[in-house]
Amino acid sequence: AIGINPAWAALAGALVLAARALAQRRTTPTAI
């Protein structure tokens, strides 16, 4: 709606889940 590429929203969602998974040691940067 505000003219920004929606890819940034997808990236934000992925970063939130990635940060949680890394903090809980359920994944690794390589796996991401």
All heavy atoms as atom14 arrays in JSON, in Angstrom:
{
  "sequence": "AIGINPAWAALAGALVLAARALAQRRTTPTAI",
  "atom14_mask": [
    [1, 1, 1, 1, 1, 0, 0, 0, 0, 0, 0, 0, 0, 0],
    [1, 1, 1, 1, 1, 1, 1, 1, 0, 0, 0, 0, 0, 0],
    [1, 1, 1, 1, 0, 0, 0, 0, 0, 0, 0, 0, 0, 0],
    [1, 1, 1, 1, 1, 1, 1, 1, 0, 0, 0, 0, 0, 0],
    [1, 1, 1, 1, 1, 1, 1, 1, 0, 0, 0, 0, 0, 0],
    [1, 1, 1, 1, 1, 1, 1, 0, 0, 0, 0, 0, 0, 0],
    [1, 1, 1, 1, 1, 0, 0, 0, 0, 0, 0, 0, 0, 0],
    [1, 1, 1, 1, 1, 1, 1, 1, 1, 1, 1, 1, 1, 1],
    [1, 1, 1, 1, 1, 0, 0, 0, 0, 0, 0, 0, 0, 0],
    [1, 1, 1, 1, 1, 0, 0, 0, 0, 0, 0, 0, 0, 0],
    [1, 1, 1, 1, 1, 1, 1, 1, 0, 0, 0, 0, 0, 0],
    [1, 1, 1, 1, 1, 0, 0, 0, 0, 0, 0, 0, 0, 0],
    [1, 1, 1, 1, 0, 0, 0, 0, 0, 0, 0, 0, 0, 0],
    [1, 1, 1, 1, 1, 0, 0, 0, 0, 0, 0, 0, 0, 0],
    [1, 1, 1, 1, 1, 1, 1, 1, 0, 0, 0, 0, 0, 0],
    [1, 1, 1, 1, 1, 1, 1, 0, 0, 0, 0, 0, 0, 0],
    [1, 1, 1, 1, 1, 1, 1, 1, 0, 0, 0, 0, 0, 0],
    [1, 1, 1, 1, 1, 0, 0, 0, 0, 0, 0, 0, 0, 0],
    [1, 1, 1, 1, 1, 0, 0, 0, 0, 0, 0, 0, 0, 0],
    [1, 1, 1, 1, 1, 1, 1, 1, 1, 1, 1, 0, 0, 0],
    [1, 1, 1, 1, 1, 0, 0, 0, 0, 0, 0, 0, 0, 0],
    [1, 1, 1, 1, 1, 1, 1, 1, 0, 0, 0, 0, 0, 0],
    [1, 1, 1, 1, 1, 0, 0, 0, 0, 0, 0, 0, 0, 0],
    [1, 1, 1, 1, 1, 1, 1, 1, 1, 0, 0, 0, 0, 0],
    [1, 1, 1, 1, 1, 1, 1, 1, 1, 1, 1, 0, 0, 0],
    [1, 1, 1, 1, 1, 1, 1, 1, 1, 1, 1, 0, 0, 0],
    [1, 1, 1, 1, 1, 1, 1, 0, 0, 0, 0, 0, 0, 0],
    [1, 1, 1, 1, 1, 1, 1, 0, 0, 0, 0, 0, 0, 0],
    [1, 1, 1, 1, 1, 1, 1, 0, 0, 0, 0, 0, 0, 0],
    [1, 1, 1, 1, 1, 1, 1, 0, 0, 0, 0, 0, 0, 0],
    [1, 1, 1, 1, 1, 0, 0, 0, 0, 0, 0, 0, 0, 0],
    [1, 1, 1, 1, 1, 1, 1, 1, 0, 0, 0, 0, 0, 0]
  ],
  "atom14_positions": [
    [[0.82, -1.22, 0.0], [0.0, 0.0, 0.0], [0.85, 1.26, 0.0], [0.46, 2.28, -0.57], [-0.94, 0.0, 1.2], [0.0, 0.0, 0.0], [0.0, 0.0, 0.0], [0.0, 0.0, 0.0], [0.0, 0.0, 0.0], [0.0, 0.0, 0.0], [0.0, 0.0, 0.0], [0.0, 0.0, 0.0], [0.0, 0.0, 0.0], [0.0, 0.0, 0.0]],
    [[2.02, 1.21, 0.63], [2.85, 2.42, 0.73], [4.0, 2.41, -0.28], [4.89, 3.26, -0.22], [3.41, 2.59, 2.16], [4.31, 1.42, 2.55], [2.28, 2.76, 3.14], [4.91, 1.56, 3.95], [0.0, 0.0, 0.0], [0.0, 0.0, 0.0], [0.0, 0.0, 0.0], [0.0, 0.0, 0.0], [0.0, 0.0, 0.0], [0.0, 0.0, 0.0]],
    [[3.97, 1.45, -1.2], [4.93, 1.45, -2.3], [6.28, 0.84, -1.99], [7.25, 1.09, -2.7], [0.0, 0.0, 0.0], [0.0, 0.0, 0.0], [0.0, 0.0, 0.0], [0.0, 0.0, 0.0], [0.0, 0.0, 0.0], [0.0, 0.0, 0.0], [0.0, 0.0, 0.0], [0.0, 0.0, 0.0], [0.0, 0.0, 0.0], [0.0, 0.0, 0.0]],
    [[6.36, 0.02, -0.92], [7.6, -0.67, -0.57], [7.5, -2.11, -1.06], [6.44, -2.73, -0.99], [7.85, -0.62, 0.95], [7.99, 0.82, 1.42], [9.08, -1.43, 1.33], [8.11, 0.97, 2.93], [0.0, 0.0, 0.0], [0.0, 0.0, 0.0], [0.0, 0.0, 0.0], [0.0, 0.0, 0.0], [0.0, 0.0, 0.0], [0.0, 0.0, 0.0]],
    [[8.61, -2.65, -1.53], [8.61, -4.03, -2.0], [8.21, -4.98, -0.87], [8.82, -4.95, 0.21], [10.01, -4.41, -2.52], [9.99, -5.7, -3.32], [9.42, -6.69, -2.9], [10.62, -5.68, -4.48], [0.0, 0.0, 0.0], [0.0, 0.0, 0.0], [0.0, 0.0, 0.0], [0.0, 0.0, 0.0], [0.0, 0.0, 0.0], [0.0, 0.0, 0.0]],
    [[7.17, -5.83, -1.07], [6.73, -6.75, 0.0], [7.81, -7.74, 0.43], [7.65, -8.41, 1.45], [5.54, -7.47, -0.64], [5.05, -6.57, -1.72], [6.28, -5.88, -2.24], [0.0, 0.0, 0.0], [0.0, 0.0, 0.0], [0.0, 0.0, 0.0], [0.0, 0.0, 0.0], [0.0, 0.0, 0.0], [0.0, 0.0, 0.0], [0.0, 0.0, 0.0]],
    [[8.88, -7.85, -0.33], [9.98, -8.74, 0.07], [10.52, -8.36, 1.44], [10.99, -9.23, 2.2], [11.1, -8.7, -0.97], [0.0, 0.0, 0.0], [0.0, 0.0, 0.0], [0.0, 0.0, 0.0], [0.0, 0.0, 0.0], [0.0, 0.0, 0.0], [0.0, 0.0, 0.0], [0.0, 0.0, 0.0], [0.0, 0.0, 0.0], [0.0, 0.0, 0.0]],
    [[10.44, -7.07, 1.79], [10.94, -6.64, 3.09], [10.08, -7.22, 4.22], [10.6, -7.54, 5.3], [10.99, -5.12, 3.17], [12.01, -4.52, 2.26], [11.79, -3.85, 1.09], [13.43, -4.59, 2.42], [12.98, -3.48, 0.51], [14.01, -3.92, 1.3], [14.27, -5.13, 3.39], [15.38, -3.79, 1.14], [15.64, -5.01, 3.23], [16.19, -4.34, 2.12]],
    [[8.78, -7.35, 3.99], [7.91, -7.96, 5.0], [8.24, -9.44, 5.16], [8.27, -9.98, 6.28], [6.44, -7.78, 4.61], [0.0, 0.0, 0.0], [0.0, 0.0, 0.0], [0.0, 0.0, 0.0], [0.0, 0.0, 0.0], [0.0, 0.0, 0.0], [0.0, 0.0, 0.0], [0.0, 0.0, 0.0], [0.0, 0.0, 0.0], [0.0, 0.0, 0.0]],
    [[8.48, -10.13, 4.03], [8.86, -11.54, 4.09], [10.18, -11.71, 4.83], [10.34, -12.63, 5.64], [8.96, -12.11, 2.68], [0.0, 0.0, 0.0], [0.0, 0.0, 0.0], [0.0, 0.0, 0.0], [0.0, 0.0, 0.0], [0.0, 0.0, 0.0], [0.0, 0.0, 0.0], [0.0, 0.0, 0.0], [0.0, 0.0, 0.0], [0.0, 0.0, 0.0]],
    [[11.12, -10.82, 4.55], [12.42, -10.88, 5.22], [12.26, -10.65, 6.73], [12.89, -11.34, 7.54], [13.36, -9.83, 4.63], [14.75, -9.72, 5.28], [15.51, -11.03, 5.13], [15.53, -8.57, 4.65], [0.0, 0.0, 0.0], [0.0, 0.0, 0.0], [0.0, 0.0, 0.0], [0.0, 0.0, 0.0], [0.0, 0.0, 0.0], [0.0, 0.0, 0.0]],
    [[11.4, -9.71, 7.11], [11.18, -9.44, 8.53], [10.61, -10.66, 9.24], [11.06, -11.03, 10.34], [10.25, -8.24, 8.69], [0.0, 0.0, 0.0], [0.0, 0.0, 0.0], [0.0, 0.0, 0.0], [0.0, 0.0, 0.0], [0.0, 0.0, 0.0], [0.0, 0.0, 0.0], [0.0, 0.0, 0.0], [0.0, 0.0, 0.0], [0.0, 0.0, 0.0]],
    [[9.62, -11.31, 8.62], [9.04, -12.51, 9.22], [10.07, -13.62, 9.37], [10.14, -14.3, 10.4], [0.0, 0.0, 0.0], [0.0, 0.0, 0.0], [0.0, 0.0, 0.0], [0.0, 0.0, 0.0], [0.0, 0.0, 0.0], [0.0, 0.0, 0.0], [0.0, 0.0, 0.0], [0.0, 0.0, 0.0], [0.0, 0.0, 0.0], [0.0, 0.0, 0.0]],
    [[10.88, -13.82, 8.33], [11.92, -14.85, 8.38], [12.95, -14.53, 9.47], [13.39, -15.43, 10.2], [12.6, -14.98, 7.02], [0.0, 0.0, 0.0], [0.0, 0.0, 0.0], [0.0, 0.0, 0.0], [0.0, 0.0, 0.0], [0.0, 0.0, 0.0], [0.0, 0.0, 0.0], [0.0, 0.0, 0.0], [0.0, 0.0, 0.0], [0.0, 0.0, 0.0]],
    [[13.33, -13.26, 9.6], [14.32, -12.88, 10.6], [13.79, -13.09, 12.02], [14.54, -13.52, 12.91], [14.73, -11.42, 10.4], [15.61, -11.13, 9.19], [15.84, -9.62, 9.04], [16.95, -11.85, 9.31], [0.0, 0.0, 0.0], [0.0, 0.0, 0.0], [0.0, 0.0, 0.0], [0.0, 0.0, 0.0], [0.0, 0.0, 0.0], [0.0, 0.0, 0.0]],
    [[12.52, -12.81, 12.24], [11.94, -13.01, 13.57], [11.99, -14.48, 13.97], [12.44, -14.84, 15.08], [10.49, -12.48, 13.61], [9.78, -12.94, 14.88], [10.47, -10.96, 13.54], [0.0, 0.0, 0.0], [0.0, 0.0, 0.0], [0.0, 0.0, 0.0], [0.0, 0.0, 0.0], [0.0, 0.0, 0.0], [0.0, 0.0, 0.0], [0.0, 0.0, 0.0]],
    [[11.54, -15.36, 13.07], [11.55, -16.79, 13.38], [12.98, -17.32, 13.47], [13.28, -18.2, 14.28], [10.76, -17.57, 12.33], [9.24, -17.47, 12.41], [8.59, -18.35, 11.36], [8.74, -17.87, 13.8], [0.0, 0.0, 0.0], [0.0, 0.0, 0.0], [0.0, 0.0, 0.0], [0.0, 0.0, 0.0], [0.0, 0.0, 0.0], [0.0, 0.0, 0.0]],
    [[13.86, -16.8, 12.62], [15.25, -17.25, 12.64], [15.92, -16.86, 13.96], [16.66, -17.67, 14.56], [16.02, -16.65, 11.47], [0.0, 0.0, 0.0], [0.0, 0.0, 0.0], [0.0, 0.0, 0.0], [0.0, 0.0, 0.0], [0.0, 0.0, 0.0], [0.0, 0.0, 0.0], [0.0, 0.0, 0.0], [0.0, 0.0, 0.0], [0.0, 0.0, 0.0]],
    [[15.68, -15.64, 14.41], [16.27, -15.2, 15.68], [15.79, -16.07, 16.83], [16.58, -16.47, 17.71], [15.91, -13.73, 15.93], [0.0, 0.0, 0.0], [0.0, 0.0, 0.0], [0.0, 0.0, 0.0], [0.0, 0.0, 0.0], [0.0, 0.0, 0.0], [0.0, 0.0, 0.0], [0.0, 0.0, 0.0], [0.0, 0.0, 0.0], [0.0, 0.0, 0.0]],
    [[14.52, -16.4, 16.84], [13.97, -17.26, 17.9], [14.58, -18.66, 17.84], [14.98, -19.22, 18.86], [12.45, -17.33, 17.76], [11.76, -18.33, 18.68], [10.27, -18.34, 18.37], [9.57, -19.46, 18.95], [9.02, -19.47, 20.17], [9.14, -18.41, 20.94], [8.38, -20.53, 20.63], [0.0, 0.0, 0.0], [0.0, 0.0, 0.0], [0.0, 0.0, 0.0]],
    [[14.66, -19.21, 16.64], [15.2, -20.56, 16.49], [16.68, -20.62, 16.86], [17.13, -21.58, 17.49], [15.0, -21.05, 15.05], [0.0, 0.0, 0.0], [0.0, 0.0, 0.0], [0.0, 0.0, 0.0], [0.0, 0.0, 0.0], [0.0, 0.0, 0.0], [0.0, 0.0, 0.0], [0.0, 0.0, 0.0], [0.0, 0.0, 0.0], [0.0, 0.0, 0.0]],
    [[17.44, -19.59, 16.51], [18.85, -19.55, 16.86], [19.03, -19.39, 18.37], [19.92, -20.03, 18.97], [19.55, -18.4, 16.12], [19.75, -18.59, 14.61], [20.2, -17.28, 13.97], [20.77, -19.7, 14.33], [0.0, 0.0, 0.0], [0.0, 0.0, 0.0], [0.0, 0.0, 0.0], [0.0, 0.0, 0.0], [0.0, 0.0, 0.0], [0.0, 0.0, 0.0]],
    [[18.19, -18.56, 18.97], [18.3, -18.35, 20.41], [17.98, -19.63, 21.18], [18.58, -19.9, 22.23], [17.36, -17.22, 20.85], [0.0, 0.0, 0.0], [0.0, 0.0, 0.0], [0.0, 0.0, 0.0], [0.0, 0.0, 0.0], [0.0, 0.0, 0.0], [0.0, 0.0, 0.0], [0.0, 0.0, 0.0], [0.0, 0.0, 0.0], [0.0, 0.0, 0.0]],
    [[17.06, -20.42, 20.66], [16.69, -21.68, 21.31], [17.54, -22.85, 20.84], [17.26, -24.0, 21.22], [15.2, -21.97, 21.05], [14.27, -20.94, 21.67], [12.79, -21.24, 21.4], [12.47, -22.07, 20.54], [11.92, -20.57, 22.13], [0.0, 0.0, 0.0], [0.0, 0.0, 0.0], [0.0, 0.0, 0.0], [0.0, 0.0, 0.0], [0.0, 0.0, 0.0]],
    [[18.52, -22.57, 20.0], [19.45, -23.59, 19.48], [18.72, -24.72, 18.75], [19.1, -25.88, 18.83], [20.3, -24.17, 20.62], [21.14, -23.12, 21.33], [22.01, -23.76, 22.42], [22.78, -22.75, 23.13], [23.95, -22.26, 22.71], [24.46, -22.69, 21.56], [24.59, -21.35, 23.42], [0.0, 0.0, 0.0], [0.0, 0.0, 0.0], [0.0, 0.0, 0.0]],
    [[17.64, -24.37, 18.03], [16.91, -25.35, 17.23], [17.33, -25.34, 15.78], [16.83, -26.13, 14.97], [15.4, -25.12, 17.34], [14.81, -25.51, 18.68], [13.31, -25.42, 18.72], [12.85, -24.04, 18.67], [12.39, -23.43, 17.59], [12.35, -24.06, 16.43], [11.98, -22.17, 17.65], [0.0, 0.0, 0.0], [0.0, 0.0, 0.0], [0.0, 0.0, 0.0]],
    [[18.22, -24.43, 15.42], [18.71, -24.36, 14.05], [20.1, -23.72, 14.07], [20.6, -23.32, 15.12], [17.76, -23.56, 13.14], [18.13, -23.74, 11.77], [17.78, -22.08, 13.47], [0.0, 0.0, 0.0], [0.0, 0.0, 0.0], [0.0, 0.0, 0.0], [0.0, 0.0, 0.0], [0.0, 0.0, 0.0], [0.0, 0.0, 0.0], [0.0, 0.0, 0.0]],
    [[20.69, -23.65, 12.9], [22.02, -23.04, 12.77], [22.0, -22.08, 11.58], [21.12, -22.19, 10.71], [23.09, -24.11, 12.51], [22.82, -24.76, 11.25], [23.1, -25.15, 13.62], [0.0, 0.0, 0.0], [0.0, 0.0, 0.0], [0.0, 0.0, 0.0], [0.0, 0.0, 0.0], [0.0, 0.0, 0.0], [0.0, 0.0, 0.0], [0.0, 0.0, 0.0]],
    [[22.94, -21.15, 11.53], [23.0, -20.26, 10.36], [23.13, -21.03, 9.06], [22.54, -20.64, 8.03], [24.24, -19.4, 10.64], [24.36, -19.38, 12.13], [23.91, -20.74, 12.58], [0.0, 0.0, 0.0], [0.0, 0.0, 0.0], [0.0, 0.0, 0.0], [0.0, 0.0, 0.0], [0.0, 0.0, 0.0], [0.0, 0.0, 0.0], [0.0, 0.0, 0.0]],
    [[23.89, -22.13, 9.09], [24.04, -22.94, 7.87], [22.71, -23.52, 7.42], [22.4, -23.54, 6.23], [25.06, -24.06, 8.12], [26.3, -23.51, 8.52], [25.25, -24.9, 6.86], [0.0, 0.0, 0.0], [0.0, 0.0, 0.0], [0.0, 0.0, 0.0], [0.0, 0.0, 0.0], [0.0, 0.0, 0.0], [0.0, 0.0, 0.0], [0.0, 0.0, 0.0]],
    [[21.91, -23.99, 8.38], [20.61, -24.56, 8.03], [19.67, -23.49, 7.47], [18.89, -23.77, 6.55], [19.99, -25.21, 9.27], [0.0, 0.0, 0.0], [0.0, 0.0, 0.0], [0.0, 0.0, 0.0], [0.0, 0.0, 0.0], [0.0, 0.0, 0.0], [0.0, 0.0, 0.0], [0.0, 0.0, 0.0], [0.0, 0.0, 0.0], [0.0, 0.0, 0.0]],
    [[19.76, -22.29, 8.0], [18.91, -21.21, 7.51], [19.27, -20.87, 6.07], [18.4, -20.7, 5.21], [19.02, -19.98, 8.42], [18.4, -20.29, 9.78], [18.33, -18.77, 7.79], [18.62, -19.21, 10.82], [0.0, 0.0, 0.0], [0.0, 0.0, 0.0], [0.0, 0.0, 0.0], [0.0, 0.0, 0.0], [0.0, 0.0, 0.0], [0.0, 0.0, 0.0]]
  ]
}
